[in-house]
Structure formats: C-alpha cells, structure tokens
C-alpha atoms as a PDB file:
ATOM      1  CA  MET A   1      -5.008  52.172  38.956  1.00  0.00           C
ATOM      2  CA  LYS A   2      -6.690  55.210  40.550  1.00  0.00           C
ATOM      3  CA  LYS A   3      -5.741  53.945  44.013  1.00  0.00           C
ATOM      4  CA  LEU A   4      -2.125  53.570  42.904  1.00  0.00           C
ATOM      5  CA  LEU A   5      -2.119  57.066  41.427  1.00  0.00           C
ATOM      6  CA  SER A   6      -3.662  58.465  44.626  1.00  0.00           C
ATOM      7  CA  LEU A   7      -1.025  56.672  46.686  1.00  0.00           C
ATOM      8  CA  PHE A   8       1.831  58.144  44.616  1.00  0.00           C
ATOM      9  CA  THR A   9       0.256  61.609  44.743  1.00  0.00           C
ATOM     10  CA  GLY A  10      -0.111  61.346  48.517  1.00  0.00           C
ATOM     11  CA  LEU A  11       3.490  60.234  48.927  1.00  0.00           C
ATOM     12  CA  PHE A  12       4.654  63.091  46.714  1.00  0.00           C
ATOM     13  CA  VAL A  13       2.748  65.646  48.818  1.00  0.00           C
ATOM     14  CA  VAL A  14       4.062  64.192  52.089  1.00  0.00           C
ATOM     15  CA  THR A  15       7.624  64.199  50.694  1.00  0.00           C
ATOM     16  CA  ALA A  16       7.272  67.795  49.462  1.00  0.00           C
ATOM     17  CA  VAL A  17       5.988  68.919  52.864  1.00  0.00           C
ATOM     18  CA  ALA A  18       8.832  67.093  54.626  1.00  0.00           C
ATOM     19  CA  ILE A  19      11.404  68.674  52.340  1.00  0.00           C
ATOM     20  CA  THR A  20      10.037  72.188  52.847  1.00  0.00           C
ATOM     21  CA  ALA A  21       9.885  71.639  56.604  1.00  0.00           C
ATOM     22  CA  GLN A  22      13.609  70.940  56.705  1.00  0.00           C
ATOM     23  CA  THR A  23      16.032  73.742  57.251  1.00  0.00           C
ATOM     24  CA  GLY A  24      18.599  75.106  54.851  1.00  0.00           C
ATOM     25  CA  VAL A  25      22.189  74.370  54.115  1.00  0.00           C
ATOM     26  CA  SER A  26      24.740  77.169  54.068  1.00  0.00           C
ATOM     27  CA  PHE A  27      27.874  76.938  51.932  1.00  0.00           C
ATOM     28  CA  GLN A  28      31.138  78.895  52.222  1.00  0.00           C
ATOM     29  CA  TYR A  29      33.394  79.419  49.211  1.00  0.00           C
ATOM     30  CA  ASP A  30      36.951  80.678  48.834  1.00  0.00           C
ATOM     31  CA  ALA A  31      38.011  83.385  46.358  1.00  0.00           C
ATOM     32  CA  ASP A  32      38.470  80.798  43.580  1.00  0.00           C
ATOM     33  CA  GLY A  33      34.895  79.524  43.978  1.00  0.00           C
ATOM     34  CA  ASN A  34      35.819  76.281  45.740  1.00  0.00           C
ATOM     35  CA  MET A  35      33.435  75.186  48.492  1.00  0.00           C
ATOM     36  CA  THR A  36      35.320  75.321  51.801  1.00  0.00           C
ATOM     37  CA  SER A  37      32.556  74.416  54.244  1.00  0.00           C
ATOM     38  CA  ARG A  38      28.948  73.313  54.465  1.00  0.00           C
ATOM     39  CA  THR A  39      26.744  74.108  57.451  1.00  0.00           C
ATOM     40  CA  VAL A  40      23.293  72.700  58.087  1.00  0.00           C
ATOM     41  CA  VAL A  41      21.128  75.450  59.536  1.00  0.00           C
ATOM     42  CA  LEU A  42      18.687  73.937  62.030  1.00  0.00           C
ATOM     43  CA  PRO A  43      15.700  75.701  63.535  1.00  0.00           C
ATOM     44  CA  PRO A  44      16.220  76.458  67.212  1.00  0.00           C
ATOM     45  CA  PRO A  45      14.448  74.134  69.628  1.00  0.00           C
ATOM     46  CA  THR A  46      11.762  75.659  71.786  1.00  0.00           C
ATOM     47  CA  ARG A  47      11.023  75.249  75.463  1.00  0.00           C
ATOM     48  CA  ALA A  48       7.958  76.160  77.485  1.00  0.00           C
ATOM     49  CA  THR A  49       8.164  79.142  79.828  1.00  0.00           C
ATOM     50  CA  ASP A  50       6.218  79.684  83.032  1.00  0.00           C
ATOM     51  CA  ASN A  51       3.294  81.156  81.106  1.00  0.00           C
ATOM     52  CA  GLY A  52       3.217  78.191  78.694  1.00  0.00           C
ATOM     53  CA  VAL A  53       4.445  80.176  75.682  1.00  0.00           C
ATOM     54  CA  PRO A  54       7.309  78.423  73.874  1.00  0.00           C
ATOM     55  CA  GLU A  55      10.630  80.248  74.081  1.00  0.00           C
ATOM     56  CA  LYS A  56      13.449  79.895  71.571  1.00  0.00           C
ATOM     57  CA  GLU A  57      16.651  78.325  72.782  1.00  0.00           C
ATOM     58  CA  PRO A  58      19.686  80.605  72.454  1.00  0.00           C
ATOM     59  CA  GLU A  59      21.466  80.183  69.150  1.00  0.00           C
ATOM     60  CA  VAL A  60      25.108  80.036  68.160  1.00  0.00           C
ATOM     61  CA  TYR A  61      26.022  82.306  65.271  1.00  0.00           C
ATOM     62  CA  SER A  62      29.177  81.729  63.293  1.00  0.00           C
ATOM     63  CA  ASP A  63      30.708  83.505  60.322  1.00  0.00           C
ATOM     64  CA  GLN A  64      33.902  83.312  58.323  1.00  0.00           C
ATOM     65  CA  GLU A  65      35.827  86.595  57.916  1.00  0.00           C
ATOM     66  CA  GLY A  66      38.819  85.810  55.737  1.00  0.00           C
ATOM     67  CA  ALA A  67      40.813  83.119  57.530  1.00  0.00           C
ATOM     68  CA  GLN A  68      39.099  83.818  60.868  1.00  0.00           C
ATOM     69  CA  THR A  69      36.002  82.116  62.219  1.00  0.00           C
ATOM     70  CA  ILE A  70      33.840  84.282  64.489  1.00  0.00           C
ATOM     71  CA  THR A  71      31.360  82.528  66.786  1.00  0.00           C
ATOM     72  CA  ILE A  72      28.928  84.426  69.015  1.00  0.00           C
ATOM     73  CA  TYR A  73      26.663  82.745  71.567  1.00  0.00           C
ATOM     74  CA  PRO A  74      24.167  82.593  73.183  1.00  0.00           C
ATOM     75  CA  ASN A  75      21.838  84.865  71.266  1.00  0.00           C
ATOM     76  CA  PRO A  76      19.324  85.781  72.588  1.00  0.00           C
ATOM     77  CA  THR A  77      21.085  86.188  75.911  1.00  0.00           C
ATOM     78  CA  ARG A  78      20.141  87.016  79.470  1.00  0.00           C
ATOM     79  CA  GLY A  79      23.226  89.226  79.817  1.00  0.00           C
ATOM     80  CA  GLU A  80      26.446  87.413  78.963  1.00  0.00           C
ATOM     81  CA  VAL A  81      27.653  86.873  75.390  1.00  0.00           C
ATOM     82  CA  LYS A  82      30.731  84.890  74.457  1.00  0.00           C
ATOM     83  CA  VAL A  83      32.742  85.795  71.342  1.00  0.00           C
ATOM     84  CA  ASP A  84      35.212  83.243  69.968  1.00  0.00           C
ATOM     85  CA  ILE A  85      37.620  84.301  67.204  1.00  0.00           C
ATOM     86  CA  SER A  86      39.871  81.664  65.737  1.00  0.00           C
ATOM     87  CA  PRO A  87      42.646  82.283  64.914  1.00  0.00           C
ATOM     88  CA  LEU A  88      43.073  85.731  66.479  1.00  0.00           C
ATOM     89  CA  ASN A  89      45.870  87.753  64.935  1.00  0.00           C
ATOM     90  CA  PRO A  90      47.636  89.502  67.872  1.00  0.00           C
ATOM     91  CA  GLU A  91      49.683  91.683  65.504  1.00  0.00           C
ATOM     92  CA  VAL A  92      46.675  93.850  64.571  1.00  0.00           C
ATOM     93  CA  GLU A  93      44.303  95.907  66.697  1.00  0.00           C
ATOM     94  CA  ASN A  94      41.335  93.744  67.732  1.00  0.00           C
ATOM     95  CA  LEU A  95      38.451  95.414  69.539  1.00  0.00           C
ATOM     96  CA  PHE A  96      34.754  95.216  70.128  1.00  0.00           C
ATOM     97  CA  LEU A  97      32.324  98.095  70.449  1.00  0.00           C
ATOM     98  CA  LEU A  98      28.896  97.530  72.004  1.00  0.00           C
ATOM     99  CA  TYR A  99      26.022  99.927  71.236  1.00  0.00           C
ATOM    100  CA  ASN A 100      22.494 100.109  72.623  1.00  0.00           C
ATOM    101  CA  SER A 101      19.430 100.547  70.401  1.00  0.00           C
ATOM    102  CA  ALA A 102      19.734 104.355  70.673  1.00  0.00           C
ATOM    103  CA  GLY A 103      23.208 104.178  69.091  1.00  0.00           C
ATOM    104  CA  GLN A 104      25.071 105.055  72.302  1.00  0.00           C
ATOM    105  CA  MET A 105      28.366 103.227  72.845  1.00  0.00           C
ATOM    106  CA  ILE A 106      28.121 101.162  76.017  1.00  0.00           C
ATOM    107  CA  GLU A 107      31.501  99.468  75.959  1.00  0.00           C
ATOM    108  CA  ASN A 108      34.698  99.646  73.918  1.00  0.00           C
ATOM    109  CA  ARG A 109      37.361  97.096  74.780  1.00  0.00           C
ATOM    110  CA  ARG A 110      40.411  95.465  73.265  1.00  0.00           C
ATOM    111  CA  ILE A 111      40.083  91.758  72.448  1.00  0.00           C
ATOM    112  CA  GLU A 112      43.062  90.044  74.042  1.00  0.00           C
ATOM    113  CA  GLY A 113      42.392  86.333  73.480  1.00  0.00           C
ATOM    114  CA  GLU A 114      40.482  84.011  71.199  1.00  0.00           C
ATOM    115  CA  SER A 115      37.603  83.912  73.719  1.00  0.00           C
ATOM    116  CA  THR A 116      35.999  87.070  75.099  1.00  0.00           C
ATOM    117  CA  VAL A 117      33.014  87.370  77.429  1.00  0.00           C
ATOM    118  CA  ILE A 118      30.880  90.496  77.116  1.00  0.00           C
ATOM    119  CA  GLU A 119      28.476  91.369  79.921  1.00  0.00           C
ATOM    120  CA  ILE A 120      25.407  93.340  78.796  1.00  0.00           C
ATOM    121  CA  ASN A 121      24.080  95.063  81.901  1.00  0.00           C
ATOM    122  CA  GLY A 122      21.438  97.249  80.225  1.00  0.00           C
ATOM    123  CA  ASN A 123      17.722  96.737  79.803  1.00  0.00           C
ATOM    124  CA  PRO A 124      16.317  93.974  77.601  1.00  0.00           C
ATOM    125  CA  GLY A 125      16.346  94.887  73.916  1.00  0.00           C
ATOM    126  CA  VAL A 126      18.501  94.903  70.806  1.00  0.00           C
ATOM    127  CA  TYR A 127      22.217  95.731  70.987  1.00  0.00           C
ATOM    128  CA  LEU A 128      24.754  96.072  68.184  1.00  0.00           C
ATOM    129  CA  LEU A 129      28.176  94.511  68.531  1.00  0.00           C
ATOM    130  CA  ASN A 130      30.899  95.724  66.175  1.00  0.00           C
ATOM    131  CA  LEU A 131      34.038  93.618  65.912  1.00  0.00           C
ATOM    132  CA  ARG A 132      37.119  95.321  64.482  1.00  0.00           C
ATOM    133  CA  LEU A 133      39.761  92.769  63.632  1.00  0.00           C
ATOM    134  CA  GLY A 134      42.535  94.747  61.985  1.00  0.00           C
ATOM    135  CA  THR A 135      40.911  96.304  58.916  1.00  0.00           C
ATOM    136  CA  THR A 136      37.927  93.919  58.940  1.00  0.00           C
ATOM    137  CA  ILE A 137      34.711  95.115  60.600  1.00  0.00           C
ATOM    138  CA  SER A 138      31.708  92.882  61.245  1.00  0.00           C
ATOM    139  CA  GLN A 139      28.457  93.878  62.924  1.00  0.00           C
ATOM    140  CA  TRP A 140      26.237  91.578  64.962  1.00  0.00           C
ATOM    141  CA  LYS A 141      22.778  92.064  66.421  1.00  0.00           C
ATOM    142  CA  ILE A 142      22.509  90.808  70.002  1.00  0.00           C
ATOM    143  CA  ILE A 143      19.142  90.386  71.720  1.00  0.00           C
ATOM    144  CA  LYS A 144      19.020  90.640  75.506  1.00  0.00           C
ATOM    145  CA  GLN A 145      15.964  89.074  77.105  1.00  0.00           C
END
C-alpha cells in the first residue's frame, strides 16, 4: 500500500511540474463578455550563439484593438520590424511614431497599407513604437539587438 501511495504521489508531483512548465493561454473577449479568441502563449525557442550562450528567437506579438488585429515581428530585431494591421481603415489617419530610449522621435510616417516595414538604424537598445490608428493609440516596446 505504501508503494502504491508513493507511486501516486510521484505521479502527482510530476504532473504538477509538467503543468507549471507549460505556458499560458490568453483569451480575448468582446464587449458583451463572449470569448472571441484563444491564443496559446508559448515560450520562445532558444538557439546557441557563437559564445555558447542561448539566444531567444524573435517573437511575434499580436494584439486586438477593436476590430483590428495588430501584429509586430520580429522582436527582438536586428533592425527591421514588420507591422501588420488587419483590416486597416484608410478613411482615418494611420501613422506610426518611433522613439529612442531618450524619448527623441526618430521617425514619423503615415501607414499606407496593411503591412509596413520599419527600419531601425540606431544603436542596439529599447525603442518605443506608437501606432495611431484613427483615435486609437497603442504603444509597443521594440528591442534592437
């Protein structure tokens, strides 16, 4: 009986560790409280660099702003970031503003299509990307390696 109890306890611990090692699930809801989407959030894979230290793979970030889906990738980047906005409403002013870590505006450009490529030519570090889609403003942190 003790062996059976030990076996169940061991399985419970292994299951608990496996469950906590998994990543989360993100849910999106509409204004009425109905679930509209479910996203499994996975940890980024790692790869070895020249010095043997694992490096995170660039991630894809996505968010829902009203009826629009904003996707930004890769982040971290080596210099080029792609912003996808679907659907893009051409009847409102759509722009992005890129700031460096000192708060200085680096670039301010109109978003013309659903896909925009932003080239970050500055030094490695943290940059802030503001998206103004009509009256909606969203802010994103971009890391340049």
